Amino acid sequence: MDIIEAYRILGASRSDDENTIKKKYKRLLFVHHPDAKRHRGEASDDGMITKVIEAYKVIRESLELETDSSDDWEWEAAVNEEAFCDRAVYVQYRIYDDEDLPLSKVAEGKYIWDPDLEDFPFFAKSVLEAAKDVVSGAEGALSGDVLMGIFHLMMQEYVLPADAARKIGEPVGGMEDAEEYQFISYIKSSAKGADSFHEGEPVDIFLSDNRAVAQNPVNGVFLGDISFDDDALYYVILPLLEEPEVKISSQMMRLIRAGRNKNSIMLRIVLKIPQGLKDTPVSYKRQILDFLGM
């Protein structure tokens, strides 16, 4: 197998770094490994898994890196044994530029979401399915609000906020005892509220009724609710707003004009996370049972 074919099989490019190539290799193992296919009730294709392993070896050798010969397909994420129930783990991979492989269920358990392994939309899909199963098994008809309440509680059971922030945030420096990561957020602002924009001015951010809100630190004026382009950040940043060891700073970057009464202010949020801070998995079993009337 030549190097061009190896990159094609892994769906990788020469601009990908070592971690990206390994991630793509692992995902293909999850999709094509014979044991994984049996787990999904599919026929095995040993030829494809052999090509995947060989392609990864060829690329690693071309980069003069030590070859990882492991072909273990078991899901590598941590587990929250106290989570309310199991969930499925889905992956999808693109081998050709214009062709996605079908979504594949590769594991099931109380697995913590790992941004390095699992795309957030697929993670959210799996948790929503688990929440629907829980609601469908309850006695009597339950409202959509109950379903969404259970869904949000389950999402928090499967996310380690500090760990996820370290993986999806943009590193911007730090000190010996802490790391700093940058995130982008927005304040929805009316035409009148746009008068509050001053580039570079600091903004206070805090939680109110399970929402992140922004406030002028000088006069205490409420500036608006915080929103994110990446839905994962709602489950990463919001819990860290309540973590006393995490220091948070924010400043206005620019005003985005999108029409009458549709302006927004882009914010730069920096989280200062202590090196030794470790997440503690949470359990909302009691709250979920309350939603179910049990």
C-alpha atoms as a PDB file:
ATOM      1  CA  MET A   1       0.000   0.000   0.000  1.00  0.00           C
ATOM      2  CA  ASP A   2       1.453   3.393  -0.933  1.00  0.00           C
ATOM      3  CA  ILE A   3       1.176   6.547   1.154  1.00  0.00           C
ATOM      4  CA  ILE A   4      -1.505   8.127  -1.080  1.00  0.00           C
ATOM      5  CA  GLU A   5      -3.777   5.093  -0.694  1.00  0.00           C
ATOM      6  CA  ALA A   6      -3.099   5.019   3.059  1.00  0.00           C
ATOM      7  CA  TYR A   7      -4.254   8.619   3.489  1.00  0.00           C
ATOM      8  CA  ARG A   8      -7.318   7.934   1.343  1.00  0.00           C
ATOM      9  CA  ILE A   9      -8.357   4.921   3.434  1.00  0.00           C
ATOM     10  CA  LEU A  10      -8.089   6.871   6.694  1.00  0.00           C
ATOM     11  CA  GLY A  11      -9.761   9.917   5.185  1.00  0.00           C
ATOM     12  CA  ALA A  12      -6.735  11.935   6.295  1.00  0.00           C
ATOM     13  CA  SER A  13      -4.523  14.527   4.647  1.00  0.00           C
ATOM     14  CA  ARG A  14      -0.838  15.386   4.900  1.00  0.00           C
ATOM     15  CA  SER A  15      -1.728  18.529   6.830  1.00  0.00           C
ATOM     16  CA  ASP A  16      -3.260  16.475   9.682  1.00  0.00           C
ATOM     17  CA  ASP A  17      -1.163  16.214  12.842  1.00  0.00           C
ATOM     18  CA  GLU A  18      -0.408  12.985  14.710  1.00  0.00           C
ATOM     19  CA  ASN A  19      -3.385  13.257  17.074  1.00  0.00           C
ATOM     20  CA  THR A  20      -5.835  13.926  14.225  1.00  0.00           C
ATOM     21  CA  ILE A  21      -4.587  10.923  12.259  1.00  0.00           C
ATOM     22  CA  LYS A  22      -4.827   8.687  15.330  1.00  0.00           C
ATOM     23  CA  LYS A  23      -8.359   9.936  16.011  1.00  0.00           C
ATOM     24  CA  LYS A  24      -9.440   9.097  12.452  1.00  0.00           C
ATOM     25  CA  TYR A  25      -7.793   5.685  12.717  1.00  0.00           C
ATOM     26  CA  LYS A  26      -9.572   4.922  15.996  1.00  0.00           C
ATOM     27  CA  ARG A  27     -12.942   5.959  14.614  1.00  0.00           C
ATOM     28  CA  LEU A  28     -12.527   3.672  11.612  1.00  0.00           C
ATOM     29  CA  LEU A  29     -11.624   0.844  13.988  1.00  0.00           C
ATOM     30  CA  PHE A  30     -14.859   1.480  15.867  1.00  0.00           C
ATOM     31  CA  VAL A  31     -16.830   1.349  12.606  1.00  0.00           C
ATOM     32  CA  HIS A  32     -15.176  -1.609  10.894  1.00  0.00           C
ATOM     33  CA  HIS A  33     -13.806  -3.845  13.646  1.00  0.00           C
ATOM     34  CA  PRO A  34     -15.399  -7.350  13.396  1.00  0.00           C
ATOM     35  CA  ASP A  35     -16.339  -7.331  17.085  1.00  0.00           C
ATOM     36  CA  ALA A  36     -17.984  -3.934  16.723  1.00  0.00           C
ATOM     37  CA  LYS A  37     -19.964  -5.117  13.712  1.00  0.00           C
ATOM     38  CA  ARG A  38     -21.225  -8.121  15.654  1.00  0.00           C
ATOM     39  CA  HIS A  39     -22.198  -5.714  18.433  1.00  0.00           C
ATOM     40  CA  ARG A  40     -24.343  -3.882  15.867  1.00  0.00           C
ATOM     41  CA  GLY A  41     -25.697  -7.082  14.329  1.00  0.00           C
ATOM     42  CA  GLU A  42     -23.843  -6.530  11.033  1.00  0.00           C
ATOM     43  CA  ALA A  43     -21.832  -8.899   8.873  1.00  0.00           C
ATOM     44  CA  SER A  44     -18.074  -8.720   9.426  1.00  0.00           C
ATOM     45  CA  ASP A  45     -15.701  -7.415   6.747  1.00  0.00           C
ATOM     46  CA  ASP A  46     -12.232  -8.448   7.897  1.00  0.00           C
ATOM     47  CA  GLY A  47     -10.702  -7.039   4.715  1.00  0.00           C
ATOM     48  CA  MET A  48     -11.599  -3.459   5.560  1.00  0.00           C
ATOM     49  CA  ILE A  49     -10.241  -3.575   9.104  1.00  0.00           C
ATOM     50  CA  THR A  50      -6.985  -5.025   7.748  1.00  0.00           C
ATOM     51  CA  LYS A  51      -6.699  -2.111   5.302  1.00  0.00           C
ATOM     52  CA  VAL A  52      -7.372   0.409   8.082  1.00  0.00           C
ATOM     53  CA  ILE A  53      -4.635  -1.041  10.300  1.00  0.00           C
ATOM     54  CA  GLU A  54      -2.175  -1.244   7.402  1.00  0.00           C
ATOM     55  CA  ALA A  55      -2.942   2.327   6.283  1.00  0.00           C
ATOM     56  CA  TYR A  56      -2.300   3.646   9.779  1.00  0.00           C
ATOM     57  CA  LYS A  57       0.989   1.739   9.950  1.00  0.00           C
ATOM     58  CA  VAL A  58       2.123   3.107   6.566  1.00  0.00           C
ATOM     59  CA  ILE A  59       1.361   6.697   7.589  1.00  0.00           C
ATOM     60  CA  ARG A  60       3.040   6.353  10.977  1.00  0.00           C
ATOM     61  CA  GLU A  61       6.157   4.873   9.395  1.00  0.00           C
ATOM     62  CA  SER A  62       6.266   7.627   6.776  1.00  0.00           C
ATOM     63  CA  LEU A  63       6.217  10.186   9.588  1.00  0.00           C
ATOM     64  CA  GLU A  64       8.932   8.217  11.393  1.00  0.00           C
ATOM     65  CA  LEU A  65       6.735   7.794  14.461  1.00  0.00           C
ATOM     66  CA  GLU A  66       6.378   4.762  16.674  1.00  0.00           C
ATOM     67  CA  THR A  67       3.563   2.556  15.354  1.00  0.00           C
ATOM     68  CA  ASP A  68       0.658   1.874  17.663  1.00  0.00           C
ATOM     69  CA  SER A  69      -0.246  -1.702  16.811  1.00  0.00           C
ATOM     70  CA  SER A  70      -3.303  -1.883  19.049  1.00  0.00           C
ATOM     71  CA  ASP A  71      -6.498  -2.763  17.203  1.00  0.00           C
ATOM     72  CA  ASP A  72      -8.669  -2.815  20.329  1.00  0.00           C
ATOM     73  CA  TRP A  73     -12.041  -1.308  19.468  1.00  0.00           C
ATOM     74  CA  GLU A  74     -13.365  -0.970  23.015  1.00  0.00           C
ATOM     75  CA  TRP A  75     -14.589   2.538  23.760  1.00  0.00           C
ATOM     76  CA  GLU A  76     -11.874   4.336  25.735  1.00  0.00           C
ATOM     77  CA  ALA A  77     -13.880   7.034  27.523  1.00  0.00           C
ATOM     78  CA  ALA A  78     -14.292   7.191  31.289  1.00  0.00           C
ATOM     79  CA  VAL A  79     -17.483   5.909  32.896  1.00  0.00           C
ATOM     80  CA  ASN A  80     -19.836   7.560  35.406  1.00  0.00           C
ATOM     81  CA  GLU A  81     -21.141   4.594  37.345  1.00  0.00           C
ATOM     82  CA  GLU A  82     -23.631   6.855  39.142  1.00  0.00           C
ATOM     83  CA  ALA A  83     -25.339   8.035  35.941  1.00  0.00           C
ATOM     84  CA  PHE A  84     -29.050   7.252  35.743  1.00  0.00           C
ATOM     85  CA  CYS A  85     -28.805   4.831  32.813  1.00  0.00           C
ATOM     86  CA  ASP A  86     -26.703   3.607  29.905  1.00  0.00           C
ATOM     87  CA  ARG A  87     -26.512   5.453  26.614  1.00  0.00           C
ATOM     88  CA  ALA A  88     -25.427   4.504  23.111  1.00  0.00           C
ATOM     89  CA  VAL A  89     -22.199   5.777  21.565  1.00  0.00           C
ATOM     90  CA  TYR A  90     -22.381   6.771  17.889  1.00  0.00           C
ATOM     91  CA  VAL A  91     -19.640   7.597  15.419  1.00  0.00           C
ATOM     92  CA  GLN A  92     -19.664   8.569  11.779  1.00  0.00           C
ATOM     93  CA  TYR A  93     -16.724   8.678   9.456  1.00  0.00           C
ATOM     94  CA  ARG A  94     -16.083  10.136   6.014  1.00  0.00           C
ATOM     95  CA  ILE A  95     -13.730   8.145   3.796  1.00  0.00           C
ATOM     96  CA  TYR A  96     -14.409  10.065   0.603  1.00  0.00           C
ATOM     97  CA  ASP A  97     -14.891  13.810   0.449  1.00  0.00           C
ATOM     98  CA  ASP A  98     -18.487  13.487  -0.703  1.00  0.00           C
ATOM     99  CA  GLU A  99     -19.555  10.319   1.096  1.00  0.00           C
ATOM    100  CA  ASP A 100     -20.348   9.804   4.798  1.00  0.00           C
ATOM    101  CA  LEU A 101     -20.461   6.343   6.273  1.00  0.00           C
ATOM    102  CA  PRO A 102     -23.757   5.517   7.985  1.00  0.00           C
ATOM    103  CA  LEU A 103     -24.007   6.487  11.653  1.00  0.00           C
ATOM    104  CA  SER A 104     -22.788   3.505  13.682  1.00  0.00           C
ATOM    105  CA  LYS A 105     -23.526   2.488  17.245  1.00  0.00           C
ATOM    106  CA  VAL A 106     -20.193   1.227  18.559  1.00  0.00           C
ATOM    107  CA  ALA A 107     -20.789   0.868  22.288  1.00  0.00           C
ATOM    108  CA  GLU A 108     -23.330   1.249  25.080  1.00  0.00           C
ATOM    109  CA  GLY A 109     -22.780   2.187  28.700  1.00  0.00           C
ATOM    110  CA  LYS A 110     -22.511   5.058  31.149  1.00  0.00           C
ATOM    111  CA  TYR A 111     -19.720   6.653  29.148  1.00  0.00           C
ATOM    112  CA  ILE A 112     -18.533  10.210  29.799  1.00  0.00           C
ATOM    113  CA  TRP A 113     -18.448  12.395  26.684  1.00  0.00           C
ATOM    114  CA  ASP A 114     -14.888  12.693  25.361  1.00  0.00           C
ATOM    115  CA  PRO A 115     -14.549  15.533  22.809  1.00  0.00           C
ATOM    116  CA  ASP A 116     -11.491  13.822  21.321  1.00  0.00           C
ATOM    117  CA  LEU A 117     -13.497  10.712  20.444  1.00  0.00           C
ATOM    118  CA  GLU A 118     -17.168  11.609  20.099  1.00  0.00           C
ATOM    119  CA  ASP A 119     -18.775  14.424  18.097  1.00  0.00           C
ATOM    120  CA  PHE A 120     -21.067  16.481  20.303  1.00  0.00           C
ATOM    121  CA  PRO A 121     -24.185  16.227  18.052  1.00  0.00           C
ATOM    122  CA  PHE A 122     -23.945  12.413  18.156  1.00  0.00           C
ATOM    123  CA  PHE A 123     -23.434  12.516  21.924  1.00  0.00           C
ATOM    124  CA  ALA A 124     -26.521  14.710  22.355  1.00  0.00           C
ATOM    125  CA  LYS A 125     -28.502  12.367  20.080  1.00  0.00           C
ATOM    126  CA  SER A 126     -27.583   9.371  22.236  1.00  0.00           C
ATOM    127  CA  VAL A 127     -28.592  11.118  25.468  1.00  0.00           C
ATOM    128  CA  LEU A 128     -31.902  12.272  23.968  1.00  0.00           C
ATOM    129  CA  GLU A 129     -32.632   8.677  22.943  1.00  0.00           C
ATOM    130  CA  ALA A 130     -31.843   7.493  26.478  1.00  0.00           C
ATOM    131  CA  ALA A 131     -34.135  10.171  27.934  1.00  0.00           C
ATOM    132  CA  LYS A 132     -36.950   9.165  25.568  1.00  0.00           C
ATOM    133  CA  ASP A 133     -36.551   5.525  26.638  1.00  0.00           C
ATOM    134  CA  VAL A 134     -36.814   6.556  30.283  1.00  0.00           C
ATOM    135  CA  VAL A 135     -39.924   8.665  29.674  1.00  0.00           C
ATOM    136  CA  SER A 136     -41.589   5.985  27.517  1.00  0.00           C
ATOM    137  CA  GLY A 137     -41.147   3.466  30.324  1.00  0.00           C
ATOM    138  CA  ALA A 138     -42.954   5.652  32.864  1.00  0.00           C
ATOM    139  CA  GLU A 139     -46.591   5.165  33.791  1.00  0.00           C
ATOM    140  CA  GLY A 140     -48.934   7.668  32.196  1.00  0.00           C
ATOM    141  CA  ALA A 141     -48.254  10.341  29.584  1.00  0.00           C
ATOM    142  CA  LEU A 142     -45.469  12.813  30.386  1.00  0.00           C
ATOM    143  CA  SER A 143     -45.050  16.252  28.840  1.00  0.00           C
ATOM    144  CA  GLY A 144     -42.309  17.434  26.543  1.00  0.00           C
ATOM    145  CA  ASP A 145     -41.044  19.638  29.379  1.00  0.00           C
ATOM    146  CA  VAL A 146     -40.447  16.507  31.451  1.00  0.00           C
ATOM    147  CA  LEU A 147     -38.504  14.926  28.609  1.00  0.00           C
ATOM    148  CA  MET A 148     -36.302  17.999  28.167  1.00  0.00           C
ATOM    149  CA  GLY A 149     -35.776  18.305  31.909  1.00  0.00           C
ATOM    150  CA  ILE A 150     -34.555  14.705  32.103  1.00  0.00           C
ATOM    151  CA  PHE A 151     -32.449  15.181  28.971  1.00  0.00           C
ATOM    152  CA  HIS A 152     -30.591  18.180  30.422  1.00  0.00           C
ATOM    153  CA  LEU A 153     -29.952  16.361  33.708  1.00  0.00           C
ATOM    154  CA  MET A 154     -28.576  13.330  31.870  1.00  0.00           C
ATOM    155  CA  MET A 155     -26.352  15.534  29.713  1.00  0.00           C
ATOM    156  CA  GLN A 156     -24.729  16.897  32.859  1.00  0.00           C
ATOM    157  CA  GLU A 157     -24.149  13.367  34.165  1.00  0.00           C
ATOM    158  CA  TYR A 158     -22.081  12.537  31.076  1.00  0.00           C
ATOM    159  CA  VAL A 159     -19.980  15.739  30.878  1.00  0.00           C
ATOM    160  CA  LEU A 160     -16.839  16.550  32.893  1.00  0.00           C
ATOM    161  CA  PRO A 161     -16.744  20.358  32.421  1.00  0.00           C
ATOM    162  CA  ALA A 162     -13.115  21.127  33.303  1.00  0.00           C
ATOM    163  CA  ASP A 163     -11.795  18.166  31.333  1.00  0.00           C
ATOM    164  CA  ALA A 164     -13.922  19.096  28.299  1.00  0.00           C
ATOM    165  CA  ALA A 165     -12.895  22.764  28.533  1.00  0.00           C
ATOM    166  CA  ARG A 166      -9.231  21.753  28.377  1.00  0.00           C
ATOM    167  CA  LYS A 167      -9.918  19.763  25.198  1.00  0.00           C
ATOM    168  CA  ILE A 168     -12.172  22.127  23.242  1.00  0.00           C
ATOM    169  CA  GLY A 169     -10.934  25.511  24.430  1.00  0.00           C
ATOM    170  CA  GLU A 170      -8.216  27.513  22.701  1.00  0.00           C
ATOM    171  CA  PRO A 171      -5.120  27.639  24.955  1.00  0.00           C
ATOM    172  CA  VAL A 172      -4.052  31.226  25.545  1.00  0.00           C
ATOM    173  CA  GLY A 173      -1.328  30.789  28.126  1.00  0.00           C
ATOM    174  CA  GLY A 174      -1.312  30.228  31.830  1.00  0.00           C
ATOM    175  CA  MET A 175       0.883  30.010  34.885  1.00  0.00           C
ATOM    176  CA  GLU A 176       2.654  27.248  36.745  1.00  0.00           C
ATOM    177  CA  ASP A 177      -0.436  26.374  38.730  1.00  0.00           C
ATOM    178  CA  ALA A 178      -3.177  27.095  36.156  1.00  0.00           C
ATOM    179  CA  GLU A 179      -4.094  26.926  32.466  1.00  0.00           C
ATOM    180  CA  GLU A 180      -6.065  29.498  30.484  1.00  0.00           C
ATOM    181  CA  TYR A 181      -8.494  28.710  27.681  1.00  0.00           C
ATOM    182  CA  GLN A 182     -10.414  31.069  25.415  1.00  0.00           C
ATOM    183  CA  PHE A 183     -13.997  30.707  24.179  1.00  0.00           C
ATOM    184  CA  ILE A 184     -16.224  32.919  22.038  1.00  0.00           C
ATOM    185  CA  SER A 185     -19.740  33.847  23.119  1.00  0.00           C
ATOM    186  CA  TYR A 186     -22.373  36.445  22.257  1.00  0.00           C
ATOM    187  CA  ILE A 187     -24.762  38.831  23.970  1.00  0.00           C
ATOM    188  CA  LYS A 188     -27.978  39.378  22.083  1.00  0.00           C
ATOM    189  CA  SER A 189     -28.553  43.118  22.084  1.00  0.00           C
ATOM    190  CA  SER A 190     -31.315  45.414  20.873  1.00  0.00           C
ATOM    191  CA  ALA A 191     -30.533  48.520  18.876  1.00  0.00           C
ATOM    192  CA  LYS A 192     -30.651  50.511  22.127  1.00  0.00           C
ATOM    193  CA  GLY A 193     -28.521  47.948  23.923  1.00  0.00           C
ATOM    194  CA  ALA A 194     -25.859  48.281  21.260  1.00  0.00           C
ATOM    195  CA  ASP A 195     -24.995  51.603  22.903  1.00  0.00           C
ATOM    196  CA  SER A 196     -23.479  49.511  25.696  1.00  0.00           C
ATOM    197  CA  PHE A 197     -20.767  48.180  23.382  1.00  0.00           C
ATOM    198  CA  HIS A 198     -17.243  49.437  24.015  1.00  0.00           C
ATOM    199  CA  GLU A 199     -14.479  47.382  22.468  1.00  0.00           C
ATOM    200  CA  GLY A 200     -12.153  45.828  25.032  1.00  0.00           C
ATOM    201  CA  GLU A 201     -14.403  46.705  27.982  1.00  0.00           C
ATOM    202  CA  PRO A 202     -14.684  43.948  30.620  1.00  0.00           C
ATOM    203  CA  VAL A 203     -17.958  42.143  31.275  1.00  0.00           C
ATOM    204  CA  ASP A 204     -19.094  40.196  34.319  1.00  0.00           C
ATOM    205  CA  ILE A 205     -20.674  36.787  33.627  1.00  0.00           C
ATOM    206  CA  PHE A 206     -22.692  34.775  36.129  1.00  0.00           C
ATOM    207  CA  LEU A 207     -25.482  32.216  36.345  1.00  0.00           C
ATOM    208  CA  SER A 208     -29.115  33.211  36.814  1.00  0.00           C
ATOM    209  CA  ASP A 209     -31.964  30.676  36.536  1.00  0.00           C
ATOM    210  CA  ASN A 210     -29.648  28.219  34.759  1.00  0.00           C
ATOM    211  CA  ARG A 211     -28.714  30.878  32.182  1.00  0.00           C
ATOM    212  CA  ALA A 212     -25.423  32.663  31.698  1.00  0.00           C
ATOM    213  CA  VAL A 213     -26.012  36.414  31.823  1.00  0.00           C
ATOM    214  CA  ALA A 214     -23.747  39.403  31.226  1.00  0.00           C
ATOM    215  CA  GLN A 215     -23.530  42.526  33.355  1.00  0.00           C
ATOM    216  CA  ASN A 216     -21.655  45.800  33.193  1.00  0.00           C
ATOM    217  CA  PRO A 217     -19.156  45.572  36.102  1.00  0.00           C
ATOM    218  CA  VAL A 218     -19.148  49.342  36.668  1.00  0.00           C
ATOM    219  CA  ASN A 219     -22.823  50.267  36.860  1.00  0.00           C
ATOM    220  CA  GLY A 220     -24.381  46.797  37.294  1.00  0.00           C
ATOM    221  CA  VAL A 221     -26.569  47.169  34.178  1.00  0.00           C
ATOM    222  CA  PHE A 222     -27.846  43.877  32.759  1.00  0.00           C
ATOM    223  CA  LEU A 223     -26.500  43.485  29.204  1.00  0.00           C
ATOM    224  CA  GLY A 224     -28.282  40.287  28.128  1.00  0.00           C
ATOM    225  CA  ASP A 225     -28.162  36.509  28.039  1.00  0.00           C
ATOM    226  CA  ILE A 226     -25.020  34.746  26.841  1.00  0.00           C
ATOM    227  CA  SER A 227     -25.255  32.406  23.842  1.00  0.00           C
ATOM    228  CA  PHE A 228     -22.743  30.129  22.119  1.00  0.00           C
ATOM    229  CA  ASP A 229     -22.339  28.897  18.545  1.00  0.00           C
ATOM    230  CA  ASP A 230     -21.195  25.533  19.925  1.00  0.00           C
ATOM    231  CA  ASP A 231     -23.981  23.865  21.932  1.00  0.00           C
ATOM    232  CA  ALA A 232     -21.387  21.856  23.876  1.00  0.00           C
ATOM    233  CA  LEU A 233     -20.307  25.029  25.655  1.00  0.00           C
ATOM    234  CA  TYR A 234     -23.623  25.283  27.504  1.00  0.00           C
ATOM    235  CA  TYR A 235     -22.696  22.051  29.304  1.00  0.00           C
ATOM    236  CA  VAL A 236     -19.041  23.013  29.732  1.00  0.00           C
ATOM    237  CA  ILE A 237     -18.912  26.691  30.654  1.00  0.00           C
ATOM    238  CA  LEU A 238     -22.142  27.046  32.648  1.00  0.00           C
ATOM    239  CA  PRO A 239     -21.139  24.448  35.297  1.00  0.00           C
ATOM    240  CA  LEU A 240     -17.703  26.087  35.576  1.00  0.00           C
ATOM    241  CA  LEU A 241     -19.359  29.416  36.412  1.00  0.00           C
ATOM    242  CA  GLU A 242     -20.277  27.777  39.722  1.00  0.00           C
ATOM    243  CA  GLU A 243     -16.811  26.301  40.315  1.00  0.00           C
ATOM    244  CA  PRO A 244     -15.074  28.608  42.845  1.00  0.00           C
ATOM    245  CA  GLU A 245     -11.585  27.434  41.827  1.00  0.00           C
ATOM    246  CA  VAL A 246     -12.104  28.493  38.181  1.00  0.00           C
ATOM    247  CA  LYS A 247     -11.477  32.182  37.494  1.00  0.00           C
ATOM    248  CA  ILE A 248     -13.474  33.722  34.656  1.00  0.00           C
ATOM    249  CA  SER A 249     -12.841  36.939  32.768  1.00  0.00           C
ATOM    250  CA  SER A 250     -14.567  38.361  29.710  1.00  0.00           C
ATOM    251  CA  GLN A 251     -14.319  41.376  27.453  1.00  0.00           C
ATOM    252  CA  MET A 252     -16.214  42.808  24.507  1.00  0.00           C
ATOM    253  CA  MET A 253     -14.616  42.116  21.125  1.00  0.00           C
ATOM    254  CA  ARG A 254     -16.914  43.598  18.500  1.00  0.00           C
ATOM    255  CA  LEU A 255     -20.483  44.574  17.662  1.00  0.00           C
ATOM    256  CA  ILE A 256     -22.231  42.427  15.060  1.00  0.00           C
ATOM    257  CA  ARG A 257     -25.028  44.244  13.265  1.00  0.00           C
ATOM    258  CA  ALA A 258     -27.591  41.875  11.753  1.00  0.00           C
ATOM    259  CA  GLY A 259     -30.494  44.205  11.151  1.00  0.00           C
ATOM    260  CA  ARG A 260     -32.927  46.203  13.216  1.00  0.00           C
ATOM    261  CA  ASN A 261     -33.065  45.013  16.834  1.00  0.00           C
ATOM    262  CA  LYS A 262     -30.905  42.005  15.937  1.00  0.00           C
ATOM    263  CA  ASN A 263     -27.492  43.201  17.010  1.00  0.00           C
ATOM    264  CA  SER A 264     -25.186  41.082  19.132  1.00  0.00           C
ATOM    265  CA  ILE A 265     -21.950  41.673  20.987  1.00  0.00           C
ATOM    266  CA  MET A 266     -19.137  39.171  20.571  1.00  0.00           C
ATOM    267  CA  LEU A 267     -17.378  38.331  23.821  1.00  0.00           C
ATOM    268  CA  ARG A 268     -14.047  36.723  24.571  1.00  0.00           C
ATOM    269  CA  ILE A 269     -14.315  34.479  27.635  1.00  0.00           C
ATOM    270  CA  VAL A 270     -11.154  33.218  29.336  1.00  0.00           C
ATOM    271  CA  LEU A 271     -11.285  30.413  31.889  1.00  0.00           C
ATOM    272  CA  LYS A 272      -8.354  30.058  34.270  1.00  0.00           C
ATOM    273  CA  ILE A 273      -8.420  26.424  35.384  1.00  0.00           C
ATOM    274  CA  PRO A 274      -6.089  25.211  38.160  1.00  0.00           C
ATOM    275  CA  GLN A 275      -3.724  22.450  37.029  1.00  0.00           C
ATOM    276  CA  GLY A 276      -4.870  20.118  39.780  1.00  0.00           C
ATOM    277  CA  LEU A 277      -8.606  20.662  39.348  1.00  0.00           C
ATOM    278  CA  LYS A 278     -10.388  17.383  38.648  1.00  0.00           C
ATOM    279  CA  ASP A 279     -14.061  16.959  37.832  1.00  0.00           C
ATOM    280  CA  THR A 280     -16.301  14.905  40.065  1.00  0.00           C
ATOM    281  CA  PRO A 281     -18.982  13.004  38.093  1.00  0.00           C
ATOM    282  CA  VAL A 282     -22.479  13.995  39.193  1.00  0.00           C
ATOM    283  CA  SER A 283     -25.648  11.987  39.645  1.00  0.00           C
ATOM    284  CA  TYR A 284     -29.168  13.372  39.196  1.00  0.00           C
ATOM    285  CA  LYS A 285     -30.950  10.115  39.878  1.00  0.00           C
ATOM    286  CA  ARG A 286     -33.202  11.611  42.550  1.00  0.00           C
ATOM    287  CA  GLN A 287     -34.155  14.609  40.390  1.00  0.00           C
ATOM    288  CA  ILE A 288     -34.910  12.363  37.393  1.00  0.00           C
ATOM    289  CA  LEU A 289     -37.120  10.132  39.518  1.00  0.00           C
ATOM    290  CA  ASP A 290     -38.938  13.251  40.745  1.00  0.00           C
ATOM    291  CA  PHE A 291     -39.588  14.232  37.108  1.00  0.00           C
ATOM    292  CA  LEU A 292     -41.015  10.744  36.559  1.00  0.00           C
ATOM    293  CA  GLY A 293     -43.236  11.033  39.650  1.00  0.00           C
ATOM    294  CA  MET A 294     -41.502   8.138  41.418  1.00  0.00           C
END
